[in-house]
Amino acid sequence: MKTRKPVLRVLAGVLAFACIATAANAPKLNFKFTTINVKGSQETDAYGINNAGVIVGDYIDSSGVMHGLKLVGGKAYNIDDPNGTGGTVCLGINSRVRSWATM
C-alpha cells in the first residue's frame, strides 16, 4: 500500500505536466464581434460562420415573415425555401463549399 502513494503522485505529476504542456501549445483565439442588422428587419439572428467569413442565419422583415440570411462581406442575401410555409432559417454553413442548410 505504501508503494502505491509515490507511484500515484508521480502519475499525477506527469499528467499535470502533460496538461500544462498541451495548454501552452494551444493557438490563441481571437474573436471579433459585429452587430448584424438587415435593413428594414424587426430582428436579425446569426447561427453559423465558416472559415471564409460567410455568415448564415435569419431575419424577420417588417411584415413579420422570416427569411433565411447569407451575409458575405457585409452584403445580405435573402434565402427563401420555395416550399416553406413558416419561413426559412439557415442554421449552418460548410467551410469547404460555401453552402447553407435551410429548414
N, C-alpha and C. Protein backbone atom coordinates (compact mmCIF):
# COMPACT_ATOMS: atom_id res chain seq x y z
N MET A 1 0.81 -1.19 0.00
CA MET A 1 0.00 0.00 0.00
C MET A 1 0.86 1.26 0.00
N LYS A 2 2.00 1.21 0.71
CA LYS A 2 2.88 2.37 0.78
C LYS A 2 3.53 2.66 -0.56
N THR A 3 3.73 1.65 -1.42
CA THR A 3 4.36 1.89 -2.72
C THR A 3 3.39 2.51 -3.72
N ARG A 4 2.11 2.41 -3.47
CA ARG A 4 1.12 2.98 -4.39
C ARG A 4 1.08 4.50 -4.32
N LYS A 5 1.26 5.06 -3.13
CA LYS A 5 1.19 6.52 -2.98
C LYS A 5 2.26 7.24 -3.79
N PRO A 6 3.53 6.82 -3.74
CA PRO A 6 4.54 7.50 -4.57
C PRO A 6 4.27 7.33 -6.07
N VAL A 7 3.79 6.17 -6.46
CA VAL A 7 3.51 5.93 -7.88
C VAL A 7 2.35 6.82 -8.33
N LEU A 8 1.32 6.92 -7.50
CA LEU A 8 0.20 7.79 -7.83
C LEU A 8 0.62 9.25 -7.90
N ARG A 9 1.50 9.67 -7.01
CA ARG A 9 1.99 11.05 -7.03
C ARG A 9 2.78 11.33 -8.31
N VAL A 10 3.61 10.38 -8.71
CA VAL A 10 4.39 10.54 -9.95
C VAL A 10 3.44 10.61 -11.15
N LEU A 11 2.46 9.71 -11.19
CA LEU A 11 1.50 9.72 -12.30
C LEU A 11 0.70 11.03 -12.33
N ALA A 12 0.30 11.52 -11.17
CA ALA A 12 -0.43 12.79 -11.11
C ALA A 12 0.46 13.94 -11.60
N GLY A 13 1.72 13.92 -11.23
CA GLY A 13 2.66 14.96 -11.68
C GLY A 13 2.86 14.91 -13.18
N VAL A 14 3.01 13.71 -13.74
CA VAL A 14 3.17 13.56 -15.18
C VAL A 14 1.92 14.04 -15.92
N LEU A 15 0.76 13.68 -15.40
CA LEU A 15 -0.50 14.11 -16.01
C LEU A 15 -0.64 15.63 -15.96
N ALA A 16 -0.30 16.23 -14.82
CA ALA A 16 -0.38 17.69 -14.70
C ALA A 16 0.58 18.37 -15.67
N PHE A 17 1.80 17.85 -15.79
CA PHE A 17 2.78 18.40 -16.72
C PHE A 17 2.28 18.28 -18.16
N ALA A 18 1.69 17.15 -18.51
CA ALA A 18 1.18 16.94 -19.87
C ALA A 18 0.04 17.93 -20.17
N CYS A 19 -0.82 18.16 -19.21
CA CYS A 19 -1.92 19.12 -19.41
C CYS A 19 -1.40 20.54 -19.60
N ILE A 20 -0.43 20.92 -18.80
CA ILE A 20 0.14 22.27 -18.89
C ILE A 20 0.87 22.44 -20.22
N ALA A 21 1.63 21.43 -20.64
CA ALA A 21 2.35 21.50 -21.91
C ALA A 21 1.39 21.59 -23.09
N THR A 22 0.30 20.84 -23.04
CA THR A 22 -0.68 20.89 -24.12
C THR A 22 -1.36 22.25 -24.17
N ALA A 23 -1.70 22.81 -23.04
CA ALA A 23 -2.35 24.12 -22.99
C ALA A 23 -1.41 25.21 -23.50
N ALA A 24 -0.13 25.08 -23.25
CA ALA A 24 0.84 26.09 -23.69
C ALA A 24 0.97 26.10 -25.21
N ASN A 25 0.73 24.97 -25.86
CA ASN A 25 0.85 24.88 -27.32
C ASN A 25 -0.45 25.20 -28.04
N ALA A 26 -1.52 25.45 -27.32
CA ALA A 26 -2.81 25.74 -27.94
C ALA A 26 -2.75 27.10 -28.64
N PRO A 27 -3.36 27.21 -29.83
CA PRO A 27 -3.34 28.51 -30.52
C PRO A 27 -4.20 29.53 -29.79
N LYS A 28 -3.81 30.78 -29.91
CA LYS A 28 -4.60 31.86 -29.32
C LYS A 28 -5.85 32.06 -30.16
N LEU A 29 -6.96 32.26 -29.50
CA LEU A 29 -8.21 32.52 -30.20
C LEU A 29 -8.53 34.00 -30.10
N ASN A 30 -8.81 34.58 -31.24
CA ASN A 30 -9.20 35.99 -31.28
C ASN A 30 -10.62 36.08 -31.81
N PHE A 31 -11.45 36.83 -31.12
CA PHE A 31 -12.83 36.98 -31.51
C PHE A 31 -13.11 38.43 -31.82
N LYS A 32 -13.90 38.64 -32.87
CA LYS A 32 -14.32 39.98 -33.25
C LYS A 32 -15.84 39.96 -33.34
N PHE A 33 -16.50 40.80 -32.57
CA PHE A 33 -17.95 40.85 -32.55
C PHE A 33 -18.45 42.01 -33.38
N THR A 34 -19.47 41.74 -34.18
CA THR A 34 -20.05 42.74 -35.05
C THR A 34 -21.57 42.68 -34.93
N THR A 35 -22.21 43.81 -34.90
CA THR A 35 -23.66 43.86 -34.90
C THR A 35 -24.15 43.66 -36.32
N ILE A 36 -25.12 42.77 -36.49
CA ILE A 36 -25.68 42.48 -37.81
C ILE A 36 -27.13 42.95 -37.82
N ASN A 37 -27.44 43.87 -38.70
CA ASN A 37 -28.80 44.36 -38.87
C ASN A 37 -29.14 44.37 -40.35
N VAL A 38 -30.19 43.65 -40.73
CA VAL A 38 -30.68 43.71 -42.09
C VAL A 38 -31.62 44.90 -42.17
N LYS A 39 -31.42 45.74 -43.17
CA LYS A 39 -32.20 46.96 -43.32
C LYS A 39 -33.70 46.64 -43.38
N GLY A 40 -34.47 47.30 -42.54
CA GLY A 40 -35.91 47.13 -42.52
C GLY A 40 -36.40 45.92 -41.74
N SER A 41 -35.50 45.19 -41.09
CA SER A 41 -35.93 43.99 -40.36
C SER A 41 -36.29 44.32 -38.92
N GLN A 42 -37.15 43.47 -38.35
CA GLN A 42 -37.51 43.59 -36.95
C GLN A 42 -36.48 42.90 -36.06
N GLU A 43 -35.89 41.83 -36.58
CA GLU A 43 -34.94 41.02 -35.81
C GLU A 43 -34.00 40.32 -36.78
N THR A 44 -32.74 40.21 -36.40
CA THR A 44 -31.73 39.50 -37.20
C THR A 44 -30.98 38.56 -36.28
N ASP A 45 -30.83 37.29 -36.71
CA ASP A 45 -30.12 36.28 -35.92
C ASP A 45 -29.07 35.60 -36.79
N ALA A 46 -27.88 35.41 -36.25
CA ALA A 46 -26.81 34.69 -36.93
C ALA A 46 -26.60 33.35 -36.23
N TYR A 47 -26.49 32.26 -37.02
CA TYR A 47 -26.35 30.93 -36.44
C TYR A 47 -25.09 30.20 -36.84
N GLY A 48 -24.42 30.64 -37.90
CA GLY A 48 -23.22 29.94 -38.34
C GLY A 48 -22.30 30.84 -39.12
N ILE A 49 -21.01 30.52 -39.08
CA ILE A 49 -19.99 31.23 -39.85
C ILE A 49 -18.96 30.22 -40.30
N ASN A 50 -18.45 30.38 -41.52
CA ASN A 50 -17.41 29.46 -41.98
C ASN A 50 -16.05 30.15 -41.99
N ASN A 51 -15.02 29.43 -42.41
CA ASN A 51 -13.66 29.97 -42.39
C ASN A 51 -13.48 31.14 -43.36
N ALA A 52 -14.34 31.26 -44.36
CA ALA A 52 -14.26 32.36 -45.31
C ALA A 52 -14.99 33.61 -44.79
N GLY A 53 -15.62 33.51 -43.62
CA GLY A 53 -16.31 34.64 -43.03
C GLY A 53 -17.74 34.81 -43.51
N VAL A 54 -18.28 33.82 -44.22
CA VAL A 54 -19.67 33.87 -44.66
C VAL A 54 -20.56 33.50 -43.47
N ILE A 55 -21.54 34.35 -43.18
CA ILE A 55 -22.42 34.16 -42.02
C ILE A 55 -23.81 33.79 -42.52
N VAL A 56 -24.45 32.85 -41.83
CA VAL A 56 -25.83 32.49 -42.16
C VAL A 56 -26.70 32.63 -40.91
N GLY A 57 -27.99 32.84 -41.16
CA GLY A 57 -28.94 32.99 -40.06
C GLY A 57 -30.32 33.27 -40.61
N ASP A 58 -31.04 34.15 -39.95
CA ASP A 58 -32.37 34.54 -40.43
C ASP A 58 -32.67 35.96 -40.00
N TYR A 59 -33.71 36.52 -40.61
CA TYR A 59 -34.22 37.82 -40.19
C TYR A 59 -35.72 37.84 -40.40
N ILE A 60 -36.38 38.68 -39.63
CA ILE A 60 -37.83 38.86 -39.74
C ILE A 60 -38.06 40.23 -40.36
N ASP A 61 -38.76 40.23 -41.50
CA ASP A 61 -39.00 41.50 -42.19
C ASP A 61 -40.08 42.32 -41.49
N SER A 62 -40.35 43.49 -42.02
CA SER A 62 -41.29 44.42 -41.37
C SER A 62 -42.71 43.89 -41.31
N SER A 63 -43.06 42.90 -42.17
CA SER A 63 -44.41 42.32 -42.12
C SER A 63 -44.47 41.05 -41.28
N GLY A 64 -43.35 40.68 -40.63
CA GLY A 64 -43.33 39.54 -39.73
C GLY A 64 -42.98 38.21 -40.37
N VAL A 65 -42.51 38.21 -41.61
CA VAL A 65 -42.14 36.98 -42.31
C VAL A 65 -40.65 36.70 -42.08
N MET A 66 -40.34 35.43 -41.76
CA MET A 66 -38.96 35.02 -41.52
C MET A 66 -38.29 34.59 -42.82
N HIS A 67 -37.08 35.10 -43.06
CA HIS A 67 -36.30 34.78 -44.25
C HIS A 67 -34.94 34.25 -43.83
N GLY A 68 -34.38 33.35 -44.63
CA GLY A 68 -33.01 32.93 -44.43
C GLY A 68 -32.08 34.05 -44.85
N LEU A 69 -30.88 34.05 -44.27
CA LEU A 69 -29.92 35.12 -44.49
C LEU A 69 -28.55 34.54 -44.76
N LYS A 70 -27.88 35.06 -45.79
CA LYS A 70 -26.47 34.78 -46.03
C LYS A 70 -25.78 36.13 -46.12
N LEU A 71 -24.77 36.35 -45.30
CA LEU A 71 -24.07 37.62 -45.23
C LEU A 71 -22.63 37.41 -45.72
N VAL A 72 -22.28 38.07 -46.80
CA VAL A 72 -20.95 37.94 -47.39
C VAL A 72 -20.35 39.34 -47.53
N GLY A 73 -19.26 39.58 -46.85
CA GLY A 73 -18.59 40.87 -46.97
C GLY A 73 -19.47 42.06 -46.65
N GLY A 74 -20.38 41.90 -45.70
CA GLY A 74 -21.26 42.98 -45.29
C GLY A 74 -22.51 43.11 -46.14
N LYS A 75 -22.65 42.30 -47.20
CA LYS A 75 -23.85 42.35 -48.05
C LYS A 75 -24.75 41.17 -47.70
N ALA A 76 -26.04 41.46 -47.44
CA ALA A 76 -27.02 40.45 -47.06
C ALA A 76 -27.73 39.90 -48.30
N TYR A 77 -27.86 38.57 -48.33
CA TYR A 77 -28.59 37.88 -49.39
C TYR A 77 -29.76 37.13 -48.77
N ASN A 78 -30.92 37.28 -49.37
CA ASN A 78 -32.14 36.64 -48.91
C ASN A 78 -32.17 35.19 -49.40
N ILE A 79 -32.53 34.26 -48.52
CA ILE A 79 -32.67 32.85 -48.88
C ILE A 79 -34.05 32.40 -48.43
N ASP A 80 -34.89 32.03 -49.39
CA ASP A 80 -36.23 31.55 -49.07
C ASP A 80 -36.44 30.17 -49.67
N ASP A 81 -36.91 29.24 -48.86
CA ASP A 81 -37.29 27.91 -49.33
C ASP A 81 -38.64 28.06 -50.04
N PRO A 82 -38.71 27.74 -51.35
CA PRO A 82 -39.97 27.94 -52.08
C PRO A 82 -41.10 27.05 -51.57
N ASN A 83 -40.77 25.97 -50.87
CA ASN A 83 -41.80 25.08 -50.33
C ASN A 83 -42.10 25.36 -48.85
N GLY A 84 -41.40 26.31 -48.28
CA GLY A 84 -41.58 26.61 -46.86
C GLY A 84 -42.87 27.37 -46.60
N THR A 85 -43.50 27.05 -45.50
CA THR A 85 -44.74 27.75 -45.14
C THR A 85 -44.55 28.64 -43.92
N GLY A 86 -43.52 28.37 -43.12
CA GLY A 86 -43.32 29.14 -41.91
C GLY A 86 -42.06 29.98 -41.93
N GLY A 87 -41.47 30.14 -43.11
CA GLY A 87 -40.24 30.91 -43.22
C GLY A 87 -39.04 30.01 -43.39
N THR A 88 -37.88 30.62 -43.56
CA THR A 88 -36.63 29.90 -43.78
C THR A 88 -35.63 30.30 -42.71
N VAL A 89 -34.92 29.32 -42.19
CA VAL A 89 -33.86 29.55 -41.20
C VAL A 89 -32.61 28.83 -41.68
N CYS A 90 -31.51 29.54 -41.81
CA CYS A 90 -30.23 28.92 -42.17
C CYS A 90 -29.46 28.68 -40.88
N LEU A 91 -29.19 27.41 -40.60
CA LEU A 91 -28.59 27.04 -39.31
C LEU A 91 -27.10 26.79 -39.36
N GLY A 92 -26.56 26.45 -40.52
CA GLY A 92 -25.14 26.13 -40.60
C GLY A 92 -24.61 26.35 -41.99
N ILE A 93 -23.29 26.41 -42.08
CA ILE A 93 -22.64 26.61 -43.37
C ILE A 93 -21.36 25.79 -43.41
N ASN A 94 -21.08 25.20 -44.56
CA ASN A 94 -19.92 24.36 -44.74
C ASN A 94 -18.70 25.22 -45.06
N SER A 95 -17.59 24.97 -44.42
CA SER A 95 -16.38 25.76 -44.64
C SER A 95 -15.75 25.48 -46.00
N ARG A 96 -15.96 24.33 -46.55
CA ARG A 96 -15.32 23.98 -47.81
C ARG A 96 -16.08 24.51 -49.03
N VAL A 97 -17.39 24.43 -49.00
CA VAL A 97 -18.17 24.65 -50.22
C VAL A 97 -19.00 25.93 -50.19
N ARG A 98 -19.01 26.68 -49.12
CA ARG A 98 -19.82 27.89 -49.00
C ARG A 98 -21.29 27.61 -49.31
N SER A 99 -21.80 26.51 -48.80
CA SER A 99 -23.21 26.20 -48.98
C SER A 99 -23.93 26.44 -47.67
N TRP A 100 -25.24 26.30 -47.67
CA TRP A 100 -26.01 26.53 -46.45
C TRP A 100 -27.11 25.50 -46.33
N ALA A 101 -27.60 25.35 -45.13
CA ALA A 101 -28.70 24.44 -44.86
C ALA A 101 -29.90 25.26 -44.47
N THR A 102 -31.05 24.90 -45.00
CA THR A 102 -32.26 25.63 -44.64
C THR A 102 -33.27 24.69 -44.04
N MET A 103 -34.19 25.24 -43.28
CA MET A 103 -35.28 24.47 -42.68
C MET A 103 -36.58 25.10 -43.07
